Amino acid sequence: MPSEHANAILLQAEHDGLHFTIETEGPEVGGYFLWTKRSDGSDIDEEFDDTIAGCKVRAFQMYGVPLESWHE
C-alpha cells in the first residue's frame, strides 16, 4: 500500500490501540490520505479524501477516533 513518494504527515491520533495519520503527497495529488496502522506499524487501511476535515470524519465514523484527538 505505501506510496513510492515521500508523504508528509500533517496530523496523528491514537485510538483503541491503532495509530492514525493524515498525510499528503503534495499539491499535485489534490487531497489527503488517512492511514490506519496497527501498533506494530503494519497497515490496516488507507482512505483518500479532499479535505483534512473529511479524513477526521472518516476516522471517527470507521473507528470512533474522537475529532479532538488529532495533533501535529
C-alpha atoms as a PDB file:
ATOM      1  CA  MET A   1       0.000   0.000   0.000  1.00  0.00           C
ATOM      2  CA  PRO A   2       2.718   2.583   0.763  1.00  0.00           C
ATOM      3  CA  SER A   3       3.437   5.067  -1.978  1.00  0.00           C
ATOM      4  CA  GLU A   4       6.864   5.468  -3.528  1.00  0.00           C
ATOM      5  CA  HIS A   5       6.571   9.236  -2.915  1.00  0.00           C
ATOM      6  CA  ALA A   6       7.609  10.825   0.364  1.00  0.00           C
ATOM      7  CA  ASN A   7       4.427  11.625   2.274  1.00  0.00           C
ATOM      8  CA  ALA A   8       4.271  14.498   4.728  1.00  0.00           C
ATOM      9  CA  ILE A   9       2.479  13.609   7.968  1.00  0.00           C
ATOM     10  CA  LEU A  10       0.203  16.505   8.895  1.00  0.00           C
ATOM     11  CA  LEU A  11      -1.749  15.104  11.859  1.00  0.00           C
ATOM     12  CA  GLN A  12      -1.687  11.995  14.053  1.00  0.00           C
ATOM     13  CA  ALA A  13      -4.002  10.287  16.511  1.00  0.00           C
ATOM     14  CA  GLU A  14      -4.065   7.116  18.638  1.00  0.00           C
ATOM     15  CA  HIS A  15      -7.270   5.243  19.434  1.00  0.00           C
ATOM     16  CA  ASP A  16      -8.086   1.703  20.590  1.00  0.00           C
ATOM     17  CA  GLY A  17      -4.507   0.536  20.036  1.00  0.00           C
ATOM     18  CA  LEU A  18      -4.364   1.867  16.486  1.00  0.00           C
ATOM     19  CA  HIS A  19      -2.268   4.700  15.027  1.00  0.00           C
ATOM     20  CA  PHE A  20      -3.832   7.091  12.515  1.00  0.00           C
ATOM     21  CA  THR A  21      -2.095   9.636  10.300  1.00  0.00           C
ATOM     22  CA  ILE A  22      -3.366  12.201   7.832  1.00  0.00           C
ATOM     23  CA  GLU A  23      -0.774  12.668   5.119  1.00  0.00           C
ATOM     24  CA  THR A  24      -0.277  14.478   1.838  1.00  0.00           C
ATOM     25  CA  GLU A  25       1.937  13.731  -1.138  1.00  0.00           C
ATOM     26  CA  GLY A  26       1.819  17.378  -2.183  1.00  0.00           C
ATOM     27  CA  PRO A  27      -0.462  19.746  -4.070  1.00  0.00           C
ATOM     28  CA  GLU A  28      -0.308  17.717  -7.302  1.00  0.00           C
ATOM     29  CA  VAL A  29      -2.297  14.917  -5.617  1.00  0.00           C
ATOM     30  CA  GLY A  30      -5.117  17.274  -4.610  1.00  0.00           C
ATOM     31  CA  GLY A  31      -6.192  15.560  -1.418  1.00  0.00           C
ATOM     32  CA  TYR A  32      -5.202  13.769   1.755  1.00  0.00           C
ATOM     33  CA  PHE A  33      -4.591  10.176   2.799  1.00  0.00           C
ATOM     34  CA  LEU A  34      -5.864   8.736   6.060  1.00  0.00           C
ATOM     35  CA  TRP A  35      -3.629   5.817   7.098  1.00  0.00           C
ATOM     36  CA  THR A  36      -4.635   3.325   9.775  1.00  0.00           C
ATOM     37  CA  LYS A  37      -1.892   1.144  11.260  1.00  0.00           C
ATOM     38  CA  ARG A  38      -1.584  -1.500  13.952  1.00  0.00           C
ATOM     39  CA  SER A  39       0.770  -0.966  16.901  1.00  0.00           C
ATOM     40  CA  ASP A  40       3.442  -3.000  15.059  1.00  0.00           C
ATOM     41  CA  GLY A  41       3.315  -0.498  12.171  1.00  0.00           C
ATOM     42  CA  SER A  42       1.571  -2.765   9.671  1.00  0.00           C
ATOM     43  CA  ASP A  43      -1.105  -1.141   7.515  1.00  0.00           C
ATOM     44  CA  ILE A  44      -4.790  -1.842   8.042  1.00  0.00           C
ATOM     45  CA  ASP A  45      -6.392   0.695   5.732  1.00  0.00           C
ATOM     46  CA  GLU A  46      -5.811   3.704   3.517  1.00  0.00           C
ATOM     47  CA  GLU A  47      -8.562   6.176   2.648  1.00  0.00           C
ATOM     48  CA  PHE A  48      -8.445   9.280   0.444  1.00  0.00           C
ATOM     49  CA  ASP A  49     -10.410  12.488   0.944  1.00  0.00           C
ATOM     50  CA  ASP A  50     -10.380  16.006  -0.496  1.00  0.00           C
ATOM     51  CA  THR A  51     -10.019  17.660   2.919  1.00  0.00           C
ATOM     52  CA  ILE A  52      -8.327  17.121   6.273  1.00  0.00           C
ATOM     53  CA  ALA A  53     -11.715  17.542   7.958  1.00  0.00           C
ATOM     54  CA  GLY A  54     -13.100  14.769   5.752  1.00  0.00           C
ATOM     55  CA  CYS A  55     -10.283  12.439   6.848  1.00  0.00           C
ATOM     56  CA  LYS A  56     -11.047  13.170  10.506  1.00  0.00           C
ATOM     57  CA  VAL A  57     -14.748  12.421   9.977  1.00  0.00           C
ATOM     58  CA  ARG A  58     -13.909   9.150   8.187  1.00  0.00           C
ATOM     59  CA  ALA A  59     -11.678   8.071  11.085  1.00  0.00           C
ATOM     60  CA  PHE A  60     -14.477   8.914  13.513  1.00  0.00           C
ATOM     61  CA  GLN A  61     -17.120   7.068  11.511  1.00  0.00           C
ATOM     62  CA  MET A  62     -14.998   3.996  10.783  1.00  0.00           C
ATOM     63  CA  TYR A  63     -13.005   3.632  14.015  1.00  0.00           C
ATOM     64  CA  GLY A  64     -14.526   6.015  16.584  1.00  0.00           C
ATOM     65  CA  VAL A  65     -11.468   8.321  16.672  1.00  0.00           C
ATOM     66  CA  PRO A  66     -12.534  11.434  18.630  1.00  0.00           C
ATOM     67  CA  LEU A  67     -12.334  14.535  16.462  1.00  0.00           C
ATOM     68  CA  GLU A  68     -10.430  16.406  19.193  1.00  0.00           C
ATOM     69  CA  SER A  69      -7.709  13.735  19.491  1.00  0.00           C
ATOM     70  CA  TRP A  70      -5.724  14.820  16.427  1.00  0.00           C
ATOM     71  CA  HIS A  71      -2.349  16.547  16.917  1.00  0.00           C
ATOM     72  CA  GLU A  72       0.706  17.505  14.873  1.00  0.00           C
END
